[in-house]
C-alpha cells in the first residue's frame, strides 16, 4: 500500500463510463479531485483515462454485483490514494420497462442485483476507507420513482425505494463514524438508459425529459462540498421532482395513486 496519503480529495464512482456517472466524474476531475472510475464498459473507461490522465484518475472494470470485483477495485484505489476516500458515489444501475409479468424473471433478478445488491456491496466494502477519511460521504443514486411505485417500472421503483430506506438508515448509523449517507432523486434524465429503455413509458411522454446528466452532477457536487451538518438526507433534482415530492406528502394516498396511474396511462 502507498505510504503517501493523497493531499487531494478523492471520489469513487460506479457506472462512470457514461451518463450521470461520467458527468459527475468529470465535474470532480475538472475541480482537481482524484477520481476512481469504475464500470463494465472498459472501452469507455479507457477513453476517459486517456482524456484526463493518470494524475487525475484511475480506472477499473467493476461488475458491482461481484464482491471480489469490489475488493479488487477498492484495493487499487486505496493504493493510488494512500487510503483516502472522501466521496463514494453509488451510481451504477439498470432499468426494466415493461408490464411486470411480461419481462423475463432473470431480468428482474439482474436489476435487483445491480441496483440494490451492488449498492450494498459498495457501502459495506468501502466502509473502512470512508471511516479513515474525515468528513467522508456516501451519495447514492436514487430516483423520483422511489416516491411512489411506477407502473411498468415496478422492480426498478422497488429497488430505488430500498435505496432510499438504506440511505436513511445508514445516515443515522454512520454519523457516529463521521460519515454522511445521502441520496439524489431525479425524474427522467437524458441518458442512454432513459432513451433506450425508460422512454417506452407513457409517463415519459407525459412529463418529458427535462434533466441532463450535468443537472445531477451539480447536485452531487453541492452535496460533496457543503457543510455536512446542514445537508438533507434526500435531495430532489429538478422542479418536477420537488413538486411531486411535496404533493406526495400533502396528498392522500388515493390521490397519489390516481395521479400516478393516469400519467402512466392506466
C-alpha atoms as a PDB file:
ATOM      1  CA  UNK A   1       0.000   0.000   0.000  1.00  0.00           C
ATOM      2  CA  UNK A   2       1.166   3.517  -0.761  1.00  0.00           C
ATOM      3  CA  UNK A   3       2.515   5.300   2.294  1.00  0.00           C
ATOM      4  CA  UNK A   4       1.606   8.706   0.879  1.00  0.00           C
ATOM      5  CA  UNK A   5      -1.948   9.758   1.586  1.00  0.00           C
ATOM      6  CA  UNK A   6      -3.455  11.872  -1.175  1.00  0.00           C
ATOM      7  CA  UNK A   7      -3.487  15.593  -0.447  1.00  0.00           C
ATOM      8  CA  UNK A   8      -6.378  15.998  -2.880  1.00  0.00           C
ATOM      9  CA  UNK A   9      -9.963  14.963  -2.145  1.00  0.00           C
ATOM     10  CA  UNK A  10     -10.976  11.708  -3.788  1.00  0.00           C
ATOM     11  CA  UNK A  11     -14.105  10.277  -5.363  1.00  0.00           C
ATOM     12  CA  UNK A  12     -15.007   6.689  -6.288  1.00  0.00           C
ATOM     13  CA  UNK A  13     -17.728   6.353  -8.964  1.00  0.00           C
ATOM     14  CA  UNK A  14     -19.553   3.282 -10.254  1.00  0.00           C
ATOM     15  CA  UNK A  15     -21.159   3.381 -13.683  1.00  0.00           C
ATOM     16  CA  UNK A  16     -18.603   6.050 -14.562  1.00  0.00           C
ATOM     17  CA  UNK A  17     -18.181   5.477 -18.296  1.00  0.00           C
ATOM     18  CA  UNK A  18     -21.311   7.292 -19.473  1.00  0.00           C
ATOM     19  CA  UNK A  19     -24.353   9.313 -18.473  1.00  0.00           C
ATOM     20  CA  UNK A  20     -24.666  10.570 -14.915  1.00  0.00           C
ATOM     21  CA  UNK A  21     -21.593   8.715 -13.675  1.00  0.00           C
ATOM     22  CA  UNK A  22     -19.402  10.289 -16.342  1.00  0.00           C
ATOM     23  CA  UNK A  23     -20.838  13.758 -15.769  1.00  0.00           C
ATOM     24  CA  UNK A  24     -20.159  13.501 -12.041  1.00  0.00           C
ATOM     25  CA  UNK A  25     -16.641  12.129 -12.530  1.00  0.00           C
ATOM     26  CA  UNK A  26     -15.729  14.877 -14.994  1.00  0.00           C
ATOM     27  CA  UNK A  27     -17.183  17.600 -12.777  1.00  0.00           C
ATOM     28  CA  UNK A  28     -14.959  16.472  -9.909  1.00  0.00           C
ATOM     29  CA  UNK A  29     -11.838  15.865 -12.020  1.00  0.00           C
ATOM     30  CA  UNK A  30     -12.155  19.340 -13.540  1.00  0.00           C
ATOM     31  CA  UNK A  31     -12.162  20.726  -9.983  1.00  0.00           C
ATOM     32  CA  UNK A  32      -8.927  18.903  -9.114  1.00  0.00           C
ATOM     33  CA  UNK A  33     -10.247  15.813  -7.360  1.00  0.00           C
ATOM     34  CA  UNK A  34      -8.669  12.401  -7.901  1.00  0.00           C
ATOM     35  CA  UNK A  35     -11.352  10.018  -9.152  1.00  0.00           C
ATOM     36  CA  UNK A  36     -11.675   6.238  -9.256  1.00  0.00           C
ATOM     37  CA  UNK A  37     -13.616   5.359 -12.406  1.00  0.00           C
ATOM     38  CA  UNK A  38     -15.421   2.018 -12.394  1.00  0.00           C
ATOM     39  CA  UNK A  39     -17.719   0.406 -14.946  1.00  0.00           C
ATOM     40  CA  UNK A  40     -18.149  -2.764 -17.001  1.00  0.00           C
ATOM     41  CA  UNK A  41     -17.568  -0.630 -20.128  1.00  0.00           C
ATOM     42  CA  UNK A  42     -13.801  -0.931 -20.398  1.00  0.00           C
ATOM     43  CA  UNK A  43     -13.602   0.987 -23.698  1.00  0.00           C
ATOM     44  CA  UNK A  44     -15.433   3.908 -22.123  1.00  0.00           C
ATOM     45  CA  UNK A  45     -13.137   3.848 -19.107  1.00  0.00           C
ATOM     46  CA  UNK A  46     -10.038   3.738 -21.326  1.00  0.00           C
ATOM     47  CA  UNK A  47     -11.249   6.783 -23.243  1.00  0.00           C
ATOM     48  CA  UNK A  48     -11.782   8.741 -20.027  1.00  0.00           C
ATOM     49  CA  UNK A  49      -8.413   7.648 -18.645  1.00  0.00           C
ATOM     50  CA  UNK A  50      -6.663   8.845 -21.795  1.00  0.00           C
ATOM     51  CA  UNK A  51      -8.565  12.121 -21.793  1.00  0.00           C
ATOM     52  CA  UNK A  52      -7.938  13.041 -18.162  1.00  0.00           C
ATOM     53  CA  UNK A  53      -4.616  11.334 -17.452  1.00  0.00           C
ATOM     54  CA  UNK A  54      -3.273   9.159 -14.667  1.00  0.00           C
ATOM     55  CA  UNK A  55      -2.709  12.153 -12.397  1.00  0.00           C
ATOM     56  CA  UNK A  56      -6.462  12.809 -12.316  1.00  0.00           C
ATOM     57  CA  UNK A  57      -7.949   9.329 -12.216  1.00  0.00           C
ATOM     58  CA  UNK A  58      -7.568   5.592 -12.075  1.00  0.00           C
ATOM     59  CA  UNK A  59      -9.929   3.113 -13.711  1.00  0.00           C
ATOM     60  CA  UNK A  60     -11.030  -0.453 -13.121  1.00  0.00           C
ATOM     61  CA  UNK A  61     -13.581  -2.794 -14.646  1.00  0.00           C
ATOM     62  CA  UNK A  62     -16.198  -3.452 -11.984  1.00  0.00           C
ATOM     63  CA  UNK A  63     -19.369  -5.501 -12.009  1.00  0.00           C
ATOM     64  CA  UNK A  64     -20.977  -4.121  -8.864  1.00  0.00           C
ATOM     65  CA  UNK A  65     -22.703  -7.443  -8.144  1.00  0.00           C
ATOM     66  CA  UNK A  66     -19.297  -9.049  -7.531  1.00  0.00           C
ATOM     67  CA  UNK A  67     -17.841  -8.881  -4.023  1.00  0.00           C
ATOM     68  CA  UNK A  68     -14.442  -9.907  -5.356  1.00  0.00           C
ATOM     69  CA  UNK A  69     -14.656  -7.225  -8.033  1.00  0.00           C
ATOM     70  CA  UNK A  70     -15.373  -4.567  -5.430  1.00  0.00           C
ATOM     71  CA  UNK A  71     -12.498  -5.698  -3.239  1.00  0.00           C
ATOM     72  CA  UNK A  72     -10.069  -5.594  -6.156  1.00  0.00           C
ATOM     73  CA  UNK A  73     -11.212  -2.168  -7.391  1.00  0.00           C
ATOM     74  CA  UNK A  74     -11.136  -0.637  -3.912  1.00  0.00           C
ATOM     75  CA  UNK A  75      -7.692  -2.097  -3.211  1.00  0.00           C
ATOM     76  CA  UNK A  76      -6.330  -0.462  -6.373  1.00  0.00           C
ATOM     77  CA  UNK A  77      -7.993   2.818  -5.439  1.00  0.00           C
ATOM     78  CA  UNK A  78      -6.603   2.625  -1.909  1.00  0.00           C
ATOM     79  CA  UNK A  79      -3.129   2.094  -3.322  1.00  0.00           C
ATOM     80  CA  UNK A  80      -3.484   5.106  -5.629  1.00  0.00           C
ATOM     81  CA  UNK A  81      -4.805   7.440  -2.920  1.00  0.00           C
ATOM     82  CA  UNK A  82      -2.951   6.215   0.144  1.00  0.00           C
ATOM     83  CA  UNK A  83      -6.226   5.134   1.705  1.00  0.00           C
ATOM     84  CA  UNK A  84      -8.279   8.299   1.240  1.00  0.00           C
ATOM     85  CA  UNK A  85     -11.939   8.132   0.118  1.00  0.00           C
ATOM     86  CA  UNK A  86     -13.876  11.355   0.558  1.00  0.00           C
ATOM     87  CA  UNK A  87     -16.968  10.511  -1.516  1.00  0.00           C
ATOM     88  CA  UNK A  88     -18.376   7.197  -2.714  1.00  0.00           C
ATOM     89  CA  UNK A  89     -20.921   7.741  -5.486  1.00  0.00           C
ATOM     90  CA  UNK A  90     -23.002   4.591  -5.961  1.00  0.00           C
ATOM     91  CA  UNK A  91     -24.370   5.264  -9.422  1.00  0.00           C
ATOM     92  CA  UNK A  92     -24.420   2.005 -11.414  1.00  0.00           C
ATOM     93  CA  UNK A  93     -27.934   0.885 -12.297  1.00  0.00           C
ATOM     94  CA  UNK A  94     -30.217  -0.529 -14.968  1.00  0.00           C
ATOM     95  CA  UNK A  95     -33.957  -0.452 -15.689  1.00  0.00           C
ATOM     96  CA  UNK A  96     -36.578  -2.880 -16.923  1.00  0.00           C
ATOM     97  CA  UNK A  97     -39.519  -1.099 -18.545  1.00  0.00           C
ATOM     98  CA  UNK A  98     -42.430  -3.431 -19.254  1.00  0.00           C
ATOM     99  CA  UNK A  99     -45.576  -4.778 -17.628  1.00  0.00           C
ATOM    100  CA  UNK A 100     -44.186  -6.779 -14.709  1.00  0.00           C
ATOM    101  CA  UNK A 101     -45.288 -10.228 -15.894  1.00  0.00           C
ATOM    102  CA  UNK A 102     -44.022  -9.692 -19.448  1.00  0.00           C
ATOM    103  CA  UNK A 103     -40.382  -9.134 -18.506  1.00  0.00           C
ATOM    104  CA  UNK A 104     -38.319 -12.278 -18.021  1.00  0.00           C
ATOM    105  CA  UNK A 105     -37.711 -13.148 -14.373  1.00  0.00           C
ATOM    106  CA  UNK A 106     -33.959 -13.195 -14.990  1.00  0.00           C
ATOM    107  CA  UNK A 107     -34.142  -9.503 -15.973  1.00  0.00           C
ATOM    108  CA  UNK A 108     -35.889  -8.634 -12.716  1.00  0.00           C
ATOM    109  CA  UNK A 109     -33.259 -10.564 -10.777  1.00  0.00           C
ATOM    110  CA  UNK A 110     -30.402  -8.862 -12.628  1.00  0.00           C
ATOM    111  CA  UNK A 111     -31.899  -5.435 -11.927  1.00  0.00           C
ATOM    112  CA  UNK A 112     -32.176  -6.162  -8.204  1.00  0.00           C
ATOM    113  CA  UNK A 113     -28.623  -7.479  -8.133  1.00  0.00           C
ATOM    114  CA  UNK A 114     -27.189  -4.355  -9.763  1.00  0.00           C
ATOM    115  CA  UNK A 115     -29.366  -1.608  -8.305  1.00  0.00           C
ATOM    116  CA  UNK A 116     -29.569  -2.878  -4.738  1.00  0.00           C
ATOM    117  CA  UNK A 117     -27.051  -5.651  -4.102  1.00  0.00           C
ATOM    118  CA  UNK A 118     -24.385  -3.670  -5.956  1.00  0.00           C
ATOM    119  CA  UNK A 119     -25.007  -0.638  -3.782  1.00  0.00           C
ATOM    120  CA  UNK A 120     -24.998  -2.690  -0.575  1.00  0.00           C
ATOM    121  CA  UNK A 121     -21.669  -4.191  -1.688  1.00  0.00           C
ATOM    122  CA  UNK A 122     -20.214  -0.734  -2.214  1.00  0.00           C
ATOM    123  CA  UNK A 123     -21.330   0.690   1.117  1.00  0.00           C
ATOM    124  CA  UNK A 124     -20.195  -2.349   3.084  1.00  0.00           C
ATOM    125  CA  UNK A 125     -16.811  -2.854   1.430  1.00  0.00           C
ATOM    126  CA  UNK A 126     -15.865   0.837   1.183  1.00  0.00           C
ATOM    127  CA  UNK A 127     -16.687   1.459   4.845  1.00  0.00           C
ATOM    128  CA  UNK A 128     -13.109   1.022   6.162  1.00  0.00           C
ATOM    129  CA  UNK A 129     -11.799   3.653   3.703  1.00  0.00           C
ATOM    130  CA  UNK A 130     -14.669   6.010   4.462  1.00  0.00           C
ATOM    131  CA  UNK A 131     -14.176   5.603   8.203  1.00  0.00           C
ATOM    132  CA  UNK A 132     -10.500   6.523   7.907  1.00  0.00           C
ATOM    133  CA  UNK A 133     -11.267   9.679   5.901  1.00  0.00           C
ATOM    134  CA  UNK A 134     -12.557  12.611   7.993  1.00  0.00           C
ATOM    135  CA  UNK A 135     -15.778  14.125   6.717  1.00  0.00           C
ATOM    136  CA  UNK A 136     -16.421  11.371   4.173  1.00  0.00           C
ATOM    137  CA  UNK A 137     -19.740  10.903   2.414  1.00  0.00           C
ATOM    138  CA  UNK A 138     -21.696   8.274   0.521  1.00  0.00           C
ATOM    139  CA  UNK A 139     -24.001   9.599  -2.192  1.00  0.00           C
ATOM    140  CA  UNK A 140     -26.434   7.041  -3.566  1.00  0.00           C
ATOM    141  CA  UNK A 141     -28.205   7.298  -6.913  1.00  0.00           C
ATOM    142  CA  UNK A 142     -31.900   7.112  -6.128  1.00  0.00           C
ATOM    143  CA  UNK A 143     -34.882   8.161  -8.259  1.00  0.00           C
ATOM    144  CA  UNK A 144     -38.188  10.003  -8.180  1.00  0.00           C
ATOM    145  CA  UNK A 145     -39.731   6.559  -8.727  1.00  0.00           C
ATOM    146  CA  UNK A 146     -38.989   5.914  -5.054  1.00  0.00           C
ATOM    147  CA  UNK A 147     -41.724   8.413  -4.141  1.00  0.00           C
ATOM    148  CA  UNK A 148     -44.492   6.139  -5.492  1.00  0.00           C
ATOM    149  CA  UNK A 149     -44.155   2.846  -7.358  1.00  0.00           C
ATOM    150  CA  UNK A 150     -44.317   3.371 -11.120  1.00  0.00           C
ATOM    151  CA  UNK A 151     -46.340   1.085 -13.416  1.00  0.00           C
ATOM    152  CA  UNK A 152     -44.119  -0.717 -15.957  1.00  0.00           C
ATOM    153  CA  UNK A 153     -41.142   0.233 -13.828  1.00  0.00           C
ATOM    154  CA  UNK A 154     -42.164  -1.822 -10.810  1.00  0.00           C
ATOM    155  CA  UNK A 155     -38.942  -3.617  -9.913  1.00  0.00           C
ATOM    156  CA  UNK A 156     -36.828  -0.546 -10.651  1.00  0.00           C
ATOM    157  CA  UNK A 157     -39.079   1.534  -8.380  1.00  0.00           C
ATOM    158  CA  UNK A 158     -38.807  -1.124  -5.679  1.00  0.00           C
ATOM    159  CA  UNK A 159     -35.016  -1.067  -5.756  1.00  0.00           C
ATOM    160  CA  UNK A 160     -34.947   2.722  -5.573  1.00  0.00           C
ATOM    161  CA  UNK A 161     -37.364   2.709  -2.640  1.00  0.00           C
ATOM    162  CA  UNK A 162     -34.964   0.279  -0.957  1.00  0.00           C
ATOM    163  CA  UNK A 163     -32.034   2.584  -1.747  1.00  0.00           C
ATOM    164  CA  UNK A 164     -33.917   5.445  -0.139  1.00  0.00           C
ATOM    165  CA  UNK A 165     -34.564   3.413   3.020  1.00  0.00           C
ATOM    166  CA  UNK A 166     -30.983   2.150   3.182  1.00  0.00           C
ATOM    167  CA  UNK A 167     -29.720   5.705   2.828  1.00  0.00           C
ATOM    168  CA  UNK A 168     -31.903   6.858   5.714  1.00  0.00           C
ATOM    169  CA  UNK A 169     -30.796   4.026   7.988  1.00  0.00           C
ATOM    170  CA  UNK A 170     -27.067   4.362   7.255  1.00  0.00           C
ATOM    171  CA  UNK A 171     -27.166   8.142   7.585  1.00  0.00           C
ATOM    172  CA  UNK A 172     -28.328   7.568  11.157  1.00  0.00           C
ATOM    173  CA  UNK A 173     -25.975   4.657  11.915  1.00  0.00           C
ATOM    174  CA  UNK A 174     -22.811   6.102  10.404  1.00  0.00           C
ATOM    175  CA  UNK A 175     -22.929   9.609  11.847  1.00  0.00           C
ATOM    176  CA  UNK A 176     -21.116   8.181  14.849  1.00  0.00           C
ATOM    177  CA  UNK A 177     -18.263   7.455  12.455  1.00  0.00           C
ATOM    178  CA  UNK A 178     -18.354  10.944  10.936  1.00  0.00           C
ATOM    179  CA  UNK A 179     -19.835   9.654   7.649  1.00  0.00           C
ATOM    180  CA  UNK A 180     -22.891  11.213   6.000  1.00  0.00           C
ATOM    181  CA  UNK A 181     -25.003   8.990   3.731  1.00  0.00           C
ATOM    182  CA  UNK A 182     -27.134  10.883   1.217  1.00  0.00           C
ATOM    183  CA  UNK A 183     -29.049  10.292  -1.988  1.00  0.00           C
ATOM    184  CA  UNK A 184     -30.205  12.186  -5.072  1.00  0.00           C
ATOM    185  CA  UNK A 185     -33.638  11.724  -6.631  1.00  0.00           C
ATOM    186  CA  UNK A 186     -34.073  12.976 -10.203  1.00  0.00           C
ATOM    187  CA  UNK A 187     -37.019  12.349 -12.501  1.00  0.00           C
ATOM    188  CA  UNK A 188     -36.165  11.375 -16.087  1.00  0.00           C
ATOM    189  CA  UNK A 189     -32.599  12.231 -17.122  1.00  0.00           C
ATOM    190  CA  UNK A 190     -31.378  12.368 -20.714  1.00  0.00           C
ATOM    191  CA  UNK A 191     -29.187   9.260 -20.608  1.00  0.00           C
ATOM    192  CA  UNK A 192     -28.947   6.096 -22.683  1.00  0.00           C
ATOM    193  CA  UNK A 193     -30.984   4.208 -20.075  1.00  0.00           C
ATOM    194  CA  UNK A 194     -33.900   6.595 -20.474  1.00  0.00           C
ATOM    195  CA  UNK A 195     -33.582   6.811 -24.261  1.00  0.00           C
ATOM    196  CA  UNK A 196     -33.230   3.071 -24.861  1.00  0.00           C
ATOM    197  CA  UNK A 197     -35.405   1.661 -22.087  1.00  0.00           C
ATOM    198  CA  UNK A 198     -37.462   4.008 -19.916  1.00  0.00           C
ATOM    199  CA  UNK A 199     -38.756   6.164 -22.778  1.00  0.00           C
ATOM    200  CA  UNK A 200     -41.257   3.377 -23.579  1.00  0.00           C
ATOM    201  CA  UNK A 201     -43.340   4.577 -20.635  1.00  0.00           C
ATOM    202  CA  UNK A 202     -46.281   6.858 -21.330  1.00  0.00           C
ATOM    203  CA  UNK A 203     -45.210   8.856 -18.275  1.00  0.00           C
ATOM    204  CA  UNK A 204     -42.095   9.968 -20.158  1.00  0.00           C
ATOM    205  CA  UNK A 205     -44.140  11.450 -22.996  1.00  0.00           C
ATOM    206  CA  UNK A 206     -46.489  13.000 -20.438  1.00  0.00           C
ATOM    207  CA  UNK A 207     -43.796  14.717 -18.361  1.00  0.00           C
ATOM    208  CA  UNK A 208     -40.926  14.975 -20.830  1.00  0.00           C
ATOM    209  CA  UNK A 209     -37.205  14.579 -20.186  1.00  0.00           C
ATOM    210  CA  UNK A 210     -36.158  17.866 -18.643  1.00  0.00           C
ATOM    211  CA  UNK A 211     -32.898  16.965 -16.907  1.00  0.00           C
ATOM    212  CA  UNK A 212     -29.419  16.249 -18.225  1.00  0.00           C
ATOM    213  CA  UNK A 213     -26.580  14.386 -16.505  1.00  0.00           C
ATOM    214  CA  UNK A 214     -24.971  17.735 -15.695  1.00  0.00           C
ATOM    215  CA  UNK A 215     -28.011  18.689 -13.580  1.00  0.00           C
ATOM    216  CA  UNK A 216     -27.499  15.646 -11.369  1.00  0.00           C
ATOM    217  CA  UNK A 217     -23.740  16.258 -11.277  1.00  0.00           C
ATOM    218  CA  UNK A 218     -24.349  19.775  -9.973  1.00  0.00           C
ATOM    219  CA  UNK A 219     -26.379  18.419  -7.055  1.00  0.00           C
ATOM    220  CA  UNK A 220     -23.795  15.720  -6.277  1.00  0.00           C
ATOM    221  CA  UNK A 221     -21.099  18.420  -6.301  1.00  0.00           C
ATOM    222  CA  UNK A 222     -23.101  20.541  -3.863  1.00  0.00           C
ATOM    223  CA  UNK A 223     -23.569  17.570  -1.538  1.00  0.00           C
ATOM    224  CA  UNK A 224     -19.842  16.883  -1.613  1.00  0.00           C
ATOM    225  CA  UNK A 225     -18.796  20.468  -0.959  1.00  0.00           C
ATOM    226  CA  UNK A 226     -21.398  21.758   1.519  1.00  0.00           C
ATOM    227  CA  UNK A 227     -21.153  21.566   5.283  1.00  0.00           C
ATOM    228  CA  UNK A 228     -22.198  18.090   6.357  1.00  0.00           C
ATOM    229  CA  UNK A 229     -24.330  19.371   9.216  1.00  0.00           C
ATOM    230  CA  UNK A 230     -26.855  21.202   7.060  1.00  0.00           C
ATOM    231  CA  UNK A 231     -27.325  18.637   4.314  1.00  0.00           C
ATOM    232  CA  UNK A 232     -30.671  16.880   3.834  1.00  0.00           C
ATOM    233  CA  UNK A 233     -30.581  13.110   3.554  1.00  0.00           C
ATOM    234  CA  UNK A 234     -32.604  13.275   0.317  1.00  0.00           C
ATOM    235  CA  UNK A 235     -32.012  15.810  -2.475  1.00  0.00           C
ATOM    236  CA  UNK A 236     -34.659  16.198  -5.166  1.00  0.00           C
ATOM    237  CA  UNK A 237     -33.228  17.106  -8.575  1.00  0.00           C
ATOM    238  CA  UNK A 238     -35.310  19.430 -10.737  1.00  0.00           C
ATOM    239  CA  UNK A 239     -38.547  21.309 -10.124  1.00  0.00           C
ATOM    240  CA  UNK A 240     -40.762  18.421 -11.231  1.00  0.00           C
ATOM    241  CA  UNK A 241     -39.274  16.054  -8.659  1.00  0.00           C
ATOM    242  CA  UNK A 242     -39.542  18.691  -5.944  1.00  0.00           C
ATOM    243  CA  UNK A 243     -43.195  19.260  -6.835  1.00  0.00           C
ATOM    244  CA  UNK A 244     -44.035  15.542  -6.830  1.00  0.00           C
ATOM    245  CA  UNK A 245     -42.224  15.064  -3.515  1.00  0.00           C
ATOM    246  CA  UNK A 246     -44.262  17.879  -1.971  1.00  0.00           C
ATOM    247  CA  UNK A 247     -47.541  16.591  -3.383  1.00  0.00           C
ATOM    248  CA  UNK A 248     -46.802  13.057  -2.198  1.00  0.00           C
ATOM    249  CA  UNK A 249     -46.546  14.398   1.346  1.00  0.00           C
ATOM    250  CA  UNK A 250     -49.623  16.616   1.184  1.00  0.00           C
ATOM    251  CA  UNK A 251     -51.983  14.452  -0.881  1.00  0.00           C
ATOM    252  CA  UNK A 252     -53.896  11.423   0.429  1.00  0.00           C
ATOM    253  CA  UNK A 253     -52.719   8.054  -0.813  1.00  0.00           C
ATOM    254  CA  UNK A 254     -55.650   7.555  -3.179  1.00  0.00           C
ATOM    255  CA  UNK A 255     -54.782  10.820  -4.945  1.00  0.00           C
ATOM    256  CA  UNK A 256     -51.106   9.848  -5.359  1.00  0.00           C
ATOM    257  CA  UNK A 257     -52.214   6.518  -6.776  1.00  0.00           C
ATOM    258  CA  UNK A 258     -54.680   8.165  -9.168  1.00  0.00           C
ATOM    259  CA  UNK A 259     -52.172  10.697 -10.492  1.00  0.00           C
ATOM    260  CA  UNK A 260     -49.506   8.035 -10.953  1.00  0.00           C
ATOM    261  CA  UNK A 261     -51.916   5.743 -12.788  1.00  0.00           C
ATOM    262  CA  UNK A 262     -53.250   8.487 -15.062  1.00  0.00           C
ATOM    263  CA  UNK A 263     -49.784   9.672 -16.070  1.00  0.00           C
ATOM    264  CA  UNK A 264     -48.838   6.081 -16.925  1.00  0.00           C
ATOM    265  CA  UNK A 265     -51.995   5.541 -18.970  1.00  0.00           C
ATOM    266  CA  UNK A 266     -53.703   3.124 -16.574  1.00  0.00           C
END
